[in-house]
Amino acid sequence: MTGRGKYETRLDPALWAYIDSVNAWYPPEISGLPVDKQRAVYARMCRAFHQGRPPGVRARDSLVA
């Protein structure tokens, strides 16, 4: 691991693996893209990371007025 600064030894390998995965999908330089493009990349990343819901957990979308 290089370039991780003071956190290199403070975070465990599993957390670094997660950080690296997020950065592979959503690198810091993406902030230069238009917001709609950023949202599209973020949505794809979320779908890739989604692991389903535990038994008995349901979700729904609705409008809150």
PDB file of N, CA and C in Angstrom:
ATOM      1  N   MET A   1       0.842  -1.185   0.000  1.00  0.00           N
ATOM      2  CA  MET A   1       0.000   0.000   0.000  1.00  0.00           C
ATOM      3  C   MET A   1       0.885   1.247   0.000  1.00  0.00           C
ATOM      4  N   THR A   2       0.613   2.118  -0.899  1.00  0.00           N
ATOM      5  CA  THR A   2       1.371   3.361  -0.943  1.00  0.00           C
ATOM      6  C   THR A   2       0.419   4.523  -1.117  1.00  0.00           C
ATOM      7  N   GLY A   3       0.886   5.692  -0.749  1.00  0.00           N
ATOM      8  CA  GLY A   3       0.084   6.884  -0.934  1.00  0.00           C
ATOM      9  C   GLY A   3      -1.105   6.992   0.000  1.00  0.00           C
ATOM     10  N   ARG A   4      -1.097   6.278   1.092  1.00  0.00           N
ATOM     11  CA  ARG A   4      -2.230   6.295   2.006  1.00  0.00           C
ATOM     12  C   ARG A   4      -1.975   7.199   3.212  1.00  0.00           C
ATOM     13  N   GLY A   5      -0.799   7.774   3.254  1.00  0.00           N
ATOM     14  CA  GLY A   5      -0.487   8.706   4.328  1.00  0.00           C
ATOM     15  C   GLY A   5      -0.521   8.057   5.697  1.00  0.00           C
ATOM     16  N   LYS A   6      -0.879   8.862   6.691  1.00  0.00           N
ATOM     17  CA  LYS A   6      -0.853   8.392   8.080  1.00  0.00           C
ATOM     18  C   LYS A   6      -1.868   7.290   8.350  1.00  0.00           C
ATOM     19  N   TYR A   7      -2.827   7.097   7.442  1.00  0.00           N
ATOM     20  CA  TYR A   7      -3.857   6.081   7.662  1.00  0.00           C
ATOM     21  C   TYR A   7      -3.446   4.691   7.190  1.00  0.00           C
ATOM     22  N   GLU A   8      -2.313   4.594   6.506  1.00  0.00           N
ATOM     23  CA  GLU A   8      -1.889   3.312   5.948  1.00  0.00           C
ATOM     24  C   GLU A   8      -1.904   2.188   6.979  1.00  0.00           C
ATOM     25  N   THR A   9      -1.394   2.451   8.167  1.00  0.00           N
ATOM     26  CA  THR A   9      -1.338   1.408   9.190  1.00  0.00           C
ATOM     27  C   THR A   9      -2.493   1.494  10.188  1.00  0.00           C
ATOM     28  N   ARG A  10      -3.311   2.524  10.078  1.00  0.00           N
ATOM     29  CA  ARG A  10      -4.410   2.701  11.032  1.00  0.00           C
ATOM     30  C   ARG A  10      -5.702   2.017  10.589  1.00  0.00           C
ATOM     31  N   LEU A  11      -5.819   1.739   9.304  1.00  0.00           N
ATOM     32  CA  LEU A  11      -7.017   1.069   8.794  1.00  0.00           C
ATOM     33  C   LEU A  11      -6.655  -0.350   8.396  1.00  0.00           C
ATOM     34  N   ASP A  12      -7.562  -1.279   8.653  1.00  0.00           N
ATOM     35  CA  ASP A  12      -7.252  -2.668   8.343  1.00  0.00           C
ATOM     36  C   ASP A  12      -7.408  -2.956   6.847  1.00  0.00           C
ATOM     37  N   PRO A  13      -6.826  -4.064   6.383  1.00  0.00           N
ATOM     38  CA  PRO A  13      -6.855  -4.390   4.959  1.00  0.00           C
ATOM     39  C   PRO A  13      -8.266  -4.499   4.366  1.00  0.00           C
ATOM     40  N   ALA A  14      -9.222  -4.987   5.143  1.00  0.00           N
ATOM     41  CA  ALA A  14     -10.592  -5.102   4.625  1.00  0.00           C
ATOM     42  C   ALA A  14     -11.183  -3.727   4.325  1.00  0.00           C
ATOM     43  N   LEU A  15     -10.905  -2.758   5.182  1.00  0.00           N
ATOM     44  CA  LEU A  15     -11.405  -1.406   4.940  1.00  0.00           C
ATOM     45  C   LEU A  15     -10.704  -0.785   3.735  1.00  0.00           C
ATOM     46  N   TRP A  16      -9.394  -1.013   3.593  1.00  0.00           N
ATOM     47  CA  TRP A  16      -8.689  -0.511   2.413  1.00  0.00           C
ATOM     48  C   TRP A  16      -9.248  -1.143   1.145  1.00  0.00           C
ATOM     49  N   ALA A  17      -9.585  -2.416   1.197  1.00  0.00           N
ATOM     50  CA  ALA A  17     -10.166  -3.080   0.019  1.00  0.00           C
ATOM     51  C   ALA A  17     -11.479  -2.412  -0.364  1.00  0.00           C
ATOM     52  N   TYR A  18     -12.302  -2.087   0.632  1.00  0.00           N
ATOM     53  CA  TYR A  18     -13.564  -1.388   0.363  1.00  0.00           C
ATOM     54  C   TYR A  18     -13.304  -0.001  -0.232  1.00  0.00           C
ATOM     55  N   ILE A  19     -12.397   0.741   0.361  1.00  0.00           N
ATOM     56  CA  ILE A  19     -12.061   2.078  -0.142  1.00  0.00           C
ATOM     57  C   ILE A  19     -11.562   1.994  -1.581  1.00  0.00           C
ATOM     58  N   ASP A  20     -10.710   1.018  -1.856  1.00  0.00           N
ATOM     59  CA  ASP A  20     -10.206   0.848  -3.218  1.00  0.00           C
ATOM     60  C   ASP A  20     -11.330   0.497  -4.186  1.00  0.00           C
ATOM     61  N   SER A  21     -12.278  -0.320  -3.751  1.00  0.00           N
ATOM     62  CA  SER A  21     -13.422  -0.669  -4.599  1.00  0.00           C
ATOM     63  C   SER A  21     -14.274   0.551  -4.905  1.00  0.00           C
ATOM     64  N   VAL A  22     -14.542   1.351  -3.889  1.00  0.00           N
ATOM     65  CA  VAL A  22     -15.323   2.577  -4.102  1.00  0.00           C
ATOM     66  C   VAL A  22     -14.584   3.503  -5.061  1.00  0.00           C
ATOM     67  N   ASN A  23     -13.297   3.686  -4.845  1.00  0.00           N
ATOM     68  CA  ASN A  23     -12.524   4.575  -5.713  1.00  0.00           C
ATOM     69  C   ASN A  23     -12.433   4.060  -7.145  1.00  0.00           C
ATOM     70  N   ALA A  24     -12.490   2.744  -7.324  1.00  0.00           N
ATOM     71  CA  ALA A  24     -12.477   2.195  -8.681  1.00  0.00           C
ATOM     72  C   ALA A  24     -13.759   2.568  -9.423  1.00  0.00           C
ATOM     73  N   TRP A  25     -14.878   2.592  -8.705  1.00  0.00           N
ATOM     74  CA  TRP A  25     -16.159   2.966  -9.300  1.00  0.00           C
ATOM     75  C   TRP A  25     -16.336   4.471  -9.364  1.00  0.00           C
ATOM     76  N   TYR A  26     -15.916   5.148  -8.330  1.00  0.00           N
ATOM     77  CA  TYR A  26     -16.220   6.575  -8.170  1.00  0.00           C
ATOM     78  C   TYR A  26     -14.953   7.326  -7.773  1.00  0.00           C
ATOM     79  N   PRO A  27     -14.013   7.470  -8.708  1.00  0.00           N
ATOM     80  CA  PRO A  27     -12.746   8.117  -8.369  1.00  0.00           C
ATOM     81  C   PRO A  27     -12.922   9.601  -8.064  1.00  0.00           C
ATOM     82  N   PRO A  28     -12.019  10.175  -7.292  1.00  0.00           N
ATOM     83  CA  PRO A  28     -12.143  11.587  -6.902  1.00  0.00           C
ATOM     84  C   PRO A  28     -12.256  12.551  -8.086  1.00  0.00           C
ATOM     85  N   GLU A  29     -11.619  12.253  -9.202  1.00  0.00           N
ATOM     86  CA  GLU A  29     -11.657  13.175 -10.341  1.00  0.00           C
ATOM     87  C   GLU A  29     -13.017  13.228 -11.038  1.00  0.00           C
ATOM     88  N   ILE A  30     -13.937  12.370 -10.634  1.00  0.00           N
ATOM     89  CA  ILE A  30     -15.268  12.375 -11.238  1.00  0.00           C
ATOM     90  C   ILE A  30     -16.019  13.674 -10.947  1.00  0.00           C
ATOM     91  N   SER A  31     -15.570  14.402  -9.938  1.00  0.00           N
ATOM     92  CA  SER A  31     -16.249  15.650  -9.580  1.00  0.00           C
ATOM     93  C   SER A  31     -16.215  16.677 -10.713  1.00  0.00           C
ATOM     94  N   GLY A  32     -15.366  16.466 -11.710  1.00  0.00           N
ATOM     95  CA  GLY A  32     -15.320  17.357 -12.852  1.00  0.00           C
ATOM     96  C   GLY A  32     -16.413  17.100 -13.878  1.00  0.00           C
ATOM     97  N   LEU A  33     -17.145  16.004 -13.725  1.00  0.00           N
ATOM     98  CA  LEU A  33     -18.232  15.678 -14.652  1.00  0.00           C
ATOM     99  C   LEU A  33     -19.503  16.420 -14.263  1.00  0.00           C
ATOM    100  N   PRO A  34     -20.428  16.571 -15.211  1.00  0.00           N
ATOM    101  CA  PRO A  34     -21.731  17.153 -14.862  1.00  0.00           C
ATOM    102  C   PRO A  34     -22.437  16.278 -13.816  1.00  0.00           C
ATOM    103  N   VAL A  35     -23.289  16.887 -13.026  1.00  0.00           N
ATOM    104  CA  VAL A  35     -23.957  16.188 -11.928  1.00  0.00           C
ATOM    105  C   VAL A  35     -24.729  14.966 -12.422  1.00  0.00           C
ATOM    106  N   ASP A  36     -25.416  15.054 -13.555  1.00  0.00           N
ATOM    107  CA  ASP A  36     -26.179  13.902 -14.036  1.00  0.00           C
ATOM    108  C   ASP A  36     -25.264  12.720 -14.344  1.00  0.00           C
ATOM    109  N   LYS A  37     -24.065  12.970 -14.837  1.00  0.00           N
ATOM    110  CA  LYS A  37     -23.103  11.891 -15.103  1.00  0.00           C
ATOM    111  C   LYS A  37     -22.584  11.314 -13.786  1.00  0.00           C
ATOM    112  N   GLN A  38     -22.335  12.173 -12.802  1.00  0.00           N
ATOM    113  CA  GLN A  38     -21.897  11.696 -11.491  1.00  0.00           C
ATOM    114  C   GLN A  38     -22.961  10.799 -10.872  1.00  0.00           C
ATOM    115  N   ARG A  39     -24.211  11.215 -10.969  1.00  0.00           N
ATOM    116  CA  ARG A  39     -25.307  10.417 -10.403  1.00  0.00           C
ATOM    117  C   ARG A  39     -25.416   9.065 -11.083  1.00  0.00           C
ATOM    118  N   ALA A  40     -25.231   9.033 -12.409  1.00  0.00           N
ATOM    119  CA  ALA A  40     -25.311   7.768 -13.144  1.00  0.00           C
ATOM    120  C   ALA A  40     -24.208   6.810 -12.694  1.00  0.00           C
ATOM    121  N   VAL A  41     -22.995   7.321 -12.529  1.00  0.00           N
ATOM    122  CA  VAL A  41     -21.886   6.486 -12.064  1.00  0.00           C
ATOM    123  C   VAL A  41     -22.159   6.004 -10.641  1.00  0.00           C
ATOM    124  N   TYR A  42     -22.641   6.894  -9.784  1.00  0.00           N
ATOM    125  CA  TYR A  42     -22.945   6.536  -8.396  1.00  0.00           C
ATOM    126  C   TYR A  42     -24.040   5.474  -8.340  1.00  0.00           C
ATOM    127  N   ALA A  43     -25.060   5.603  -9.176  1.00  0.00           N
ATOM    128  CA  ALA A  43     -26.147   4.614  -9.201  1.00  0.00           C
ATOM    129  C   ALA A  43     -25.618   3.247  -9.625  1.00  0.00           C
ATOM    130  N   ARG A  44     -24.734   3.209 -10.626  1.00  0.00           N
ATOM    131  CA  ARG A  44     -24.147   1.927 -11.049  1.00  0.00           C
ATOM    132  C   ARG A  44     -23.306   1.328  -9.930  1.00  0.00           C
ATOM    133  N   MET A  45     -22.558   2.172  -9.219  1.00  0.00           N
ATOM    134  CA  MET A  45     -21.757   1.691  -8.105  1.00  0.00           C
ATOM    135  C   MET A  45     -22.655   1.092  -7.018  1.00  0.00           C
ATOM    136  N   CYS A  46     -23.740   1.769  -6.698  1.00  0.00           N
ATOM    137  CA  CYS A  46     -24.658   1.272  -5.667  1.00  0.00           C
ATOM    138  C   CYS A  46     -25.248  -0.076  -6.060  1.00  0.00           C
ATOM    139  N   ARG A  47     -25.621  -0.227  -7.326  1.00  0.00           N
ATOM    140  CA  ARG A  47     -26.156  -1.520  -7.784  1.00  0.00           C
ATOM    141  C   ARG A  47     -25.098  -2.609  -7.670  1.00  0.00           C
ATOM    142  N   ALA A  48     -23.851  -2.274  -7.974  1.00  0.00           N
ATOM    143  CA  ALA A  48     -22.774  -3.260  -7.894  1.00  0.00           C
ATOM    144  C   ALA A  48     -22.511  -3.698  -6.452  1.00  0.00           C
ATOM    145  N   PHE A  49     -22.640  -2.781  -5.504  1.00  0.00           N
ATOM    146  CA  PHE A  49     -22.380  -3.099  -4.100  1.00  0.00           C
ATOM    147  C   PHE A  49     -23.584  -3.705  -3.378  1.00  0.00           C
ATOM    148  N   HIS A  50     -24.770  -3.553  -3.930  1.00  0.00           N
ATOM    149  CA  HIS A  50     -25.981  -4.027  -3.245  1.00  0.00           C
ATOM    150  C   HIS A  50     -25.920  -5.541  -3.040  1.00  0.00           C
ATOM    151  N   GLN A  51     -26.182  -5.984  -1.839  1.00  0.00           N
ATOM    152  CA  GLN A  51     -26.124  -7.405  -1.503  1.00  0.00           C
ATOM    153  C   GLN A  51     -27.483  -7.951  -1.100  1.00  0.00           C
ATOM    154  N   GLY A  52     -28.525  -7.261  -1.472  1.00  0.00           N
ATOM    155  CA  GLY A  52     -29.855  -7.721  -1.100  1.00  0.00           C
ATOM    156  C   GLY A  52     -30.214  -7.270   0.305  1.00  0.00           C
ATOM    157  N   ARG A  53     -31.424  -7.587   0.681  1.00  0.00           N
ATOM    158  CA  ARG A  53     -31.900  -7.220   2.020  1.00  0.00           C
ATOM    159  C   ARG A  53     -32.053  -8.474   2.873  1.00  0.00           C
ATOM    160  N   PRO A  54     -31.866  -8.330   4.158  1.00  0.00           N
ATOM    161  CA  PRO A  54     -32.060  -9.474   5.048  1.00  0.00           C
ATOM    162  C   PRO A  54     -33.515  -9.936   5.011  1.00  0.00           C
ATOM    163  N   PRO A  55     -33.767 -11.194   5.345  1.00  0.00           N
ATOM    164  CA  PRO A  55     -35.144 -11.690   5.390  1.00  0.00           C
ATOM    165  C   PRO A  55     -36.005 -10.807   6.293  1.00  0.00           C
ATOM    166  N   GLY A  56     -37.189 -10.491   5.827  1.00  0.00           N
ATOM    167  CA  GLY A  56     -38.125  -9.701   6.608  1.00  0.00           C
ATOM    168  C   GLY A  56     -37.984  -8.199   6.436  1.00  0.00           C
ATOM    169  N   VAL A  57     -36.963  -7.757   5.735  1.00  0.00           N
ATOM    170  CA  VAL A  57     -36.768  -6.324   5.513  1.00  0.00           C
ATOM    171  C   VAL A  57     -37.308  -5.976   4.133  1.00  0.00           C
ATOM    172  N   ARG A  58     -38.189  -4.978   4.105  1.00  0.00           N
ATOM    173  CA  ARG A  58     -38.756  -4.520   2.837  1.00  0.00           C
ATOM    174  C   ARG A  58     -38.449  -3.043   2.664  1.00  0.00           C
ATOM    175  N   ALA A  59     -38.464  -2.610   1.431  1.00  0.00           N
ATOM    176  CA  ALA A  59     -38.235  -1.194   1.137  1.00  0.00           C
ATOM    177  C   ALA A  59     -39.251  -0.742   0.106  1.00  0.00           C
ATOM    178  N   ARG A  60     -39.574   0.542   0.148  1.00  0.00           N
ATOM    179  CA  ARG A  60     -40.457   1.103  -0.868  1.00  0.00           C
ATOM    180  C   ARG A  60     -40.085   2.559  -1.079  1.00  0.00           C
ATOM    181  N   ASP A  61     -40.366   3.023  -2.259  1.00  0.00           N
ATOM    182  CA  ASP A  61     -40.145   4.426  -2.585  1.00  0.00           C
ATOM    183  C   ASP A  61     -41.479   5.139  -2.522  1.00  0.00           C
ATOM    184  N   SER A  62     -41.464   6.340  -1.980  1.00  0.00           N
ATOM    185  CA  SER A  62     -42.683   7.144  -1.952  1.00  0.00           C
ATOM    186  C   SER A  62     -42.293   8.610  -1.847  1.00  0.00           C
ATOM    187  N   LEU A  63     -43.235   9.455  -2.139  1.00  0.00           N
ATOM    188  CA  LEU A  63     -43.027  10.889  -2.076  1.00  0.00           C
ATOM    189  C   LEU A  63     -43.395  11.396  -0.692  1.00  0.00           C
ATOM    190  N   VAL A  64     -42.513  12.169  -0.112  1.00  0.00           N
ATOM    191  CA  VAL A  64     -42.790  12.797   1.175  1.00  0.00           C
ATOM    192  C   VAL A  64     -43.079  14.262   0.886  1.00  0.00           C
ATOM    193  N   ALA A  65     -44.284  14.682   1.234  1.00  0.00           N
ATOM    194  CA  ALA A  65     -44.676  16.068   0.936  1.00  0.00           C
ATOM    195  C   ALA A  65     -44.541  16.942   2.159  1.00  0.00           C
TER     196      ALA A  65
END
